[in-house]
Amino acid sequence: MDVMRIIDELEAELGERRGGLFSKKIDIGKCVQLTKAIRGAMPDAVREAEYVVENKQKILENADSVAKNTIREAEERAEHIIDNSELIKRAELEAKQLMETAYMQCDALVDKTKAHLDIMFRDVEQFLQSSLAMIRNNREELRGAMIVKTNKNQ
C-alpha cells in the first residue's frame, strides 16, 4: 500500500465533521489499522533514519571514539615503524663499522704475518748461507787434504 494514500485515508477518518447524534463517529479500530499499515509500508530507510535521529549523539560519540582510537593506533604503528626503521639503520651502521674494523684487523694481521714470514725466511736464508759457507770450507779443506795426500803418495 502507498503510504500517502493510507495517510489520506486516516485524515479522512479523523477529519470528517462530526456533528449531532446521528453523525458518523470515528472508527478507532480503523485508525489503529491504518496506523499499523503506515508503519508496515514505511521503508526500512525511514526507520533507520528515525533511529539515527533519535540516537544521533550516541552515534557521534561512538564515531568520535572509534576515530580517536584509529588515529591513536595509526600513530602508535607509525612510531613503531619509525623506531624499527631507526633500529635497522643503527644496526646497518654498526654492522658496517664492524666489517670495516674486521677488514682493518685482517689487513694488519696479514701485514704482521708477512713481516714475520720475511724474518723467518731471512733467518733461514742466513742459516743456509752460513751452512753453505761451512760446506764450501769443509769441501775446500777436504780437497786440500786430498791433494796433499795424493802428492805424498806419488
C-alpha atoms as a PDB file:
ATOM      1  CA  MET A   1       0.000   0.000   0.000  1.00  0.00           C
ATOM      2  CA  ASP A   2       1.125   3.523  -0.756  1.00  0.00           C
ATOM      3  CA  VAL A   3       1.977   5.431   2.456  1.00  0.00           C
ATOM      4  CA  MET A   4       0.490   8.698   1.205  1.00  0.00           C
ATOM      5  CA  ARG A   5      -2.862   7.003   0.345  1.00  0.00           C
ATOM      6  CA  ILE A   6      -3.024   5.452   3.816  1.00  0.00           C
ATOM      7  CA  ILE A   7      -2.312   8.849   5.418  1.00  0.00           C
ATOM      8  CA  ASP A   8      -5.090  10.379   3.290  1.00  0.00           C
ATOM      9  CA  GLU A   9      -7.472   7.682   4.486  1.00  0.00           C
ATOM     10  CA  LEU A  10      -6.504   8.299   8.104  1.00  0.00           C
ATOM     11  CA  GLU A  11      -7.002  12.030   7.725  1.00  0.00           C
ATOM     12  CA  ALA A  12     -10.389  11.409   6.173  1.00  0.00           C
ATOM     13  CA  GLU A  13     -11.376   9.215   9.082  1.00  0.00           C
ATOM     14  CA  LEU A  14     -10.199  11.745  11.649  1.00  0.00           C
ATOM     15  CA  GLY A  15     -11.069  14.921   9.844  1.00  0.00           C
ATOM     16  CA  GLU A  16     -14.716  14.482   8.933  1.00  0.00           C
ATOM     17  CA  ARG A  17     -17.088  16.801  10.670  1.00  0.00           C
ATOM     18  CA  ARG A  18     -18.809  15.146  13.478  1.00  0.00           C
ATOM     19  CA  GLY A  19     -21.897  16.787  14.471  1.00  0.00           C
ATOM     20  CA  GLY A  20     -25.087  15.736  16.046  1.00  0.00           C
ATOM     21  CA  LEU A  21     -26.255  12.492  17.408  1.00  0.00           C
ATOM     22  CA  PHE A  22     -26.577  10.618  14.127  1.00  0.00           C
ATOM     23  CA  SER A  23     -23.323  11.707  12.558  1.00  0.00           C
ATOM     24  CA  LYS A  24     -20.595   9.281  11.835  1.00  0.00           C
ATOM     25  CA  LYS A  25     -18.280   8.531  14.731  1.00  0.00           C
ATOM     26  CA  ILE A  26     -14.509   7.960  14.409  1.00  0.00           C
ATOM     27  CA  ASP A  27     -13.726   4.303  13.953  1.00  0.00           C
ATOM     28  CA  ILE A  28     -10.826   3.833  16.394  1.00  0.00           C
ATOM     29  CA  GLY A  29     -10.166   0.283  15.160  1.00  0.00           C
ATOM     30  CA  LYS A  30      -9.842   1.539  11.586  1.00  0.00           C
ATOM     31  CA  CYS A  31      -7.456   4.316  12.717  1.00  0.00           C
ATOM     32  CA  VAL A  32      -5.278   1.803  14.564  1.00  0.00           C
ATOM     33  CA  GLN A  33      -5.327  -0.454  11.499  1.00  0.00           C
ATOM     34  CA  LEU A  34      -4.324   2.465   9.223  1.00  0.00           C
ATOM     35  CA  THR A  35      -1.528   3.455  11.629  1.00  0.00           C
ATOM     36  CA  LYS A  36      -0.197  -0.102  11.559  1.00  0.00           C
ATOM     37  CA  ALA A  37      -0.440  -0.088   7.756  1.00  0.00           C
ATOM     38  CA  ILE A  38       1.592   3.136   7.648  1.00  0.00           C
ATOM     39  CA  ARG A  39       4.261   1.589   9.818  1.00  0.00           C
ATOM     40  CA  GLY A  40       4.338  -1.536   7.688  1.00  0.00           C
ATOM     41  CA  ALA A  41       4.506   0.481   4.473  1.00  0.00           C
ATOM     42  CA  MET A  42       7.340   2.720   5.659  1.00  0.00           C
ATOM     43  CA  PRO A  43      10.609   1.700   4.094  1.00  0.00           C
ATOM     44  CA  ASP A  44      13.397   0.441   6.335  1.00  0.00           C
ATOM     45  CA  ALA A  45      15.431   3.520   5.476  1.00  0.00           C
ATOM     46  CA  VAL A  46      12.839   5.725   7.196  1.00  0.00           C
ATOM     47  CA  ARG A  47      13.006   3.578  10.327  1.00  0.00           C
ATOM     48  CA  GLU A  48      16.783   3.668  10.217  1.00  0.00           C
ATOM     49  CA  ALA A  49      16.706   7.443   9.724  1.00  0.00           C
ATOM     50  CA  GLU A  50      14.452   7.779  12.780  1.00  0.00           C
ATOM     51  CA  TYR A  51      16.876   5.618  14.752  1.00  0.00           C
ATOM     52  CA  VAL A  52      19.781   7.801  13.617  1.00  0.00           C
ATOM     53  CA  VAL A  53      17.935  10.996  14.566  1.00  0.00           C
ATOM     54  CA  GLU A  54      16.965   9.608  17.976  1.00  0.00           C
ATOM     55  CA  ASN A  55      20.466   8.271  18.700  1.00  0.00           C
ATOM     56  CA  LYS A  56      22.437  10.948  16.911  1.00  0.00           C
ATOM     57  CA  GLN A  57      24.508  11.953  19.948  1.00  0.00           C
ATOM     58  CA  LYS A  58      25.412   8.368  20.849  1.00  0.00           C
ATOM     59  CA  ILE A  59      26.331   7.614  17.234  1.00  0.00           C
ATOM     60  CA  LEU A  60      28.502  10.745  17.015  1.00  0.00           C
ATOM     61  CA  GLU A  61      30.220   9.939  20.321  1.00  0.00           C
ATOM     62  CA  ASN A  62      30.842   6.370  19.186  1.00  0.00           C
ATOM     63  CA  ALA A  63      32.173   7.536  15.816  1.00  0.00           C
ATOM     64  CA  ASP A  64      34.409  10.074  17.578  1.00  0.00           C
ATOM     65  CA  SER A  65      35.711   7.371  19.921  1.00  0.00           C
ATOM     66  CA  VAL A  66      36.359   4.984  17.028  1.00  0.00           C
ATOM     67  CA  ALA A  67      38.109   7.756  15.067  1.00  0.00           C
ATOM     68  CA  LYS A  68      40.306   8.666  18.048  1.00  0.00           C
ATOM     69  CA  ASN A  69      41.206   5.011  18.607  1.00  0.00           C
ATOM     70  CA  THR A  70      42.019   4.585  14.925  1.00  0.00           C
ATOM     71  CA  ILE A  71      44.203   7.693  14.952  1.00  0.00           C
ATOM     72  CA  ARG A  72      45.958   6.574  18.157  1.00  0.00           C
ATOM     73  CA  GLU A  73      46.600   3.099  16.722  1.00  0.00           C
ATOM     74  CA  ALA A  74      47.891   4.610  13.472  1.00  0.00           C
ATOM     75  CA  GLU A  75      50.217   6.941  15.394  1.00  0.00           C
ATOM     76  CA  GLU A  76      51.489   4.048  17.527  1.00  0.00           C
ATOM     77  CA  ARG A  77      52.046   1.918  14.434  1.00  0.00           C
ATOM     78  CA  ALA A  78      53.841   4.767  12.681  1.00  0.00           C
ATOM     79  CA  GLU A  79      56.016   5.309  15.753  1.00  0.00           C
ATOM     80  CA  HIS A  80      56.758   1.569  15.889  1.00  0.00           C
ATOM     81  CA  ILE A  81      57.692   1.553  12.202  1.00  0.00           C
ATOM     82  CA  ILE A  82      59.910   4.606  12.690  1.00  0.00           C
ATOM     83  CA  ASP A  83      61.556   3.019  15.734  1.00  0.00           C
ATOM     84  CA  ASN A  84      62.150  -0.193  13.785  1.00  0.00           C
ATOM     85  CA  SER A  85      63.487   1.825  10.886  1.00  0.00           C
ATOM     86  CA  GLU A  86      65.885   3.644  13.224  1.00  0.00           C
ATOM     87  CA  LEU A  87      66.941   0.324  14.761  1.00  0.00           C
ATOM     88  CA  ILE A  88      67.597  -1.099  11.320  1.00  0.00           C
ATOM     89  CA  LYS A  89      69.627   1.973  10.332  1.00  0.00           C
ATOM     90  CA  ARG A  90      71.657   1.765  13.554  1.00  0.00           C
ATOM     91  CA  ALA A  91      72.179  -1.975  13.092  1.00  0.00           C
ATOM     92  CA  GLU A  92      73.296  -1.476   9.487  1.00  0.00           C
ATOM     93  CA  LEU A  93      75.708   1.292  10.562  1.00  0.00           C
ATOM     94  CA  GLU A  94      77.087  -0.850  13.378  1.00  0.00           C
ATOM     95  CA  ALA A  95      77.452  -3.818  11.021  1.00  0.00           C
ATOM     96  CA  LYS A  96      79.296  -1.613   8.522  1.00  0.00           C
ATOM     97  CA  GLN A  97      81.625  -0.353  11.262  1.00  0.00           C
ATOM     98  CA  LEU A  98      82.233  -3.913  12.480  1.00  0.00           C
ATOM     99  CA  MET A  99      83.041  -5.015   8.921  1.00  0.00           C
ATOM    100  CA  GLU A 100      85.448  -2.109   8.469  1.00  0.00           C
ATOM    101  CA  THR A 101      87.130  -2.939  11.784  1.00  0.00           C
ATOM    102  CA  ALA A 102      87.347  -6.607  10.806  1.00  0.00           C
ATOM    103  CA  TYR A 103      88.902  -5.715   7.431  1.00  0.00           C
ATOM    104  CA  MET A 104      91.413  -3.410   9.123  1.00  0.00           C
ATOM    105  CA  GLN A 105      92.317  -6.096  11.678  1.00  0.00           C
ATOM    106  CA  CYS A 106      92.583  -8.658   8.899  1.00  0.00           C
ATOM    107  CA  ASP A 107      94.867  -6.368   6.867  1.00  0.00           C
ATOM    108  CA  ALA A 108      97.006  -5.716   9.974  1.00  0.00           C
ATOM    109  CA  LEU A 109      97.220  -9.449  10.675  1.00  0.00           C
ATOM    110  CA  VAL A 110      98.203 -10.186   7.062  1.00  0.00           C
ATOM    111  CA  ASP A 111     100.908  -7.482   7.225  1.00  0.00           C
ATOM    112  CA  LYS A 112     102.173  -8.818  10.577  1.00  0.00           C
ATOM    113  CA  THR A 113     102.214 -12.368   9.197  1.00  0.00           C
ATOM    114  CA  LYS A 114     104.127 -11.232   6.092  1.00  0.00           C
ATOM    115  CA  ALA A 115     106.655  -9.396   8.268  1.00  0.00           C
ATOM    116  CA  HIS A 116     107.075 -12.469  10.485  1.00  0.00           C
ATOM    117  CA  LEU A 117     107.481 -14.747   7.455  1.00  0.00           C
ATOM    118  CA  ASP A 118     110.017 -12.310   5.981  1.00  0.00           C
ATOM    119  CA  ILE A 119     112.062 -12.515   9.212  1.00  0.00           C
ATOM    120  CA  MET A 120     111.792 -16.302   9.210  1.00  0.00           C
ATOM    121  CA  PHE A 121     112.874 -16.528   5.559  1.00  0.00           C
ATOM    122  CA  ARG A 122     115.760 -14.122   6.264  1.00  0.00           C
ATOM    123  CA  ASP A 123     116.862 -16.280   9.225  1.00  0.00           C
ATOM    124  CA  VAL A 124     116.563 -19.456   7.103  1.00  0.00           C
ATOM    125  CA  GLU A 125     118.451 -17.736   4.290  1.00  0.00           C
ATOM    126  CA  GLN A 126     121.212 -16.668   6.696  1.00  0.00           C
ATOM    127  CA  PHE A 127     121.329 -20.172   8.167  1.00  0.00           C
ATOM    128  CA  LEU A 128     121.512 -21.711   4.704  1.00  0.00           C
ATOM    129  CA  GLN A 129     124.173 -19.205   3.603  1.00  0.00           C
ATOM    130  CA  SER A 130     126.163 -19.975   6.751  1.00  0.00           C
ATOM    131  CA  SER A 131     125.702 -23.704   6.195  1.00  0.00           C
ATOM    132  CA  LEU A 132     126.670 -23.324   2.535  1.00  0.00           C
ATOM    133  CA  ALA A 133     129.774 -21.384   3.516  1.00  0.00           C
ATOM    134  CA  MET A 134     130.667 -24.076   6.042  1.00  0.00           C
ATOM    135  CA  ILE A 135     130.079 -26.770   3.423  1.00  0.00           C
ATOM    136  CA  ARG A 136     132.327 -24.876   0.968  1.00  0.00           C
ATOM    137  CA  ASN A 137     135.040 -24.510   3.606  1.00  0.00           C
ATOM    138  CA  ASN A 138     134.784 -28.192   4.520  1.00  0.00           C
ATOM    139  CA  ARG A 139     134.935 -29.143   0.875  1.00  0.00           C
ATOM    140  CA  GLU A 140     137.934 -26.960   0.227  1.00  0.00           C
ATOM    141  CA  GLU A 141     139.638 -28.408   3.280  1.00  0.00           C
ATOM    142  CA  LEU A 142     138.751 -31.861   2.052  1.00  0.00           C
ATOM    143  CA  ARG A 143     140.187 -31.106  -1.416  1.00  0.00           C
ATOM    144  CA  GLY A 144     143.262 -29.645   0.155  1.00  0.00           C
ATOM    145  CA  ALA A 145     143.717 -32.760   2.214  1.00  0.00           C
ATOM    146  CA  MET A 146     143.169 -34.942  -0.816  1.00  0.00           C
ATOM    147  CA  ILE A 147     145.721 -33.094  -2.911  1.00  0.00           C
ATOM    148  CA  VAL A 148     148.252 -33.243  -0.148  1.00  0.00           C
ATOM    149  CA  LYS A 149     147.754 -36.980   0.263  1.00  0.00           C
ATOM    150  CA  THR A 150     147.906 -37.564  -3.447  1.00  0.00           C
ATOM    151  CA  ASN A 151     151.235 -35.651  -3.644  1.00  0.00           C
ATOM    152  CA  LYS A 152     152.688 -37.594  -0.721  1.00  0.00           C
ATOM    153  CA  ASN A 153     151.713 -40.932  -2.241  1.00  0.00           C
ATOM    154  CA  GLN A 154     153.414 -40.214  -5.525  1.00  0.00           C
END
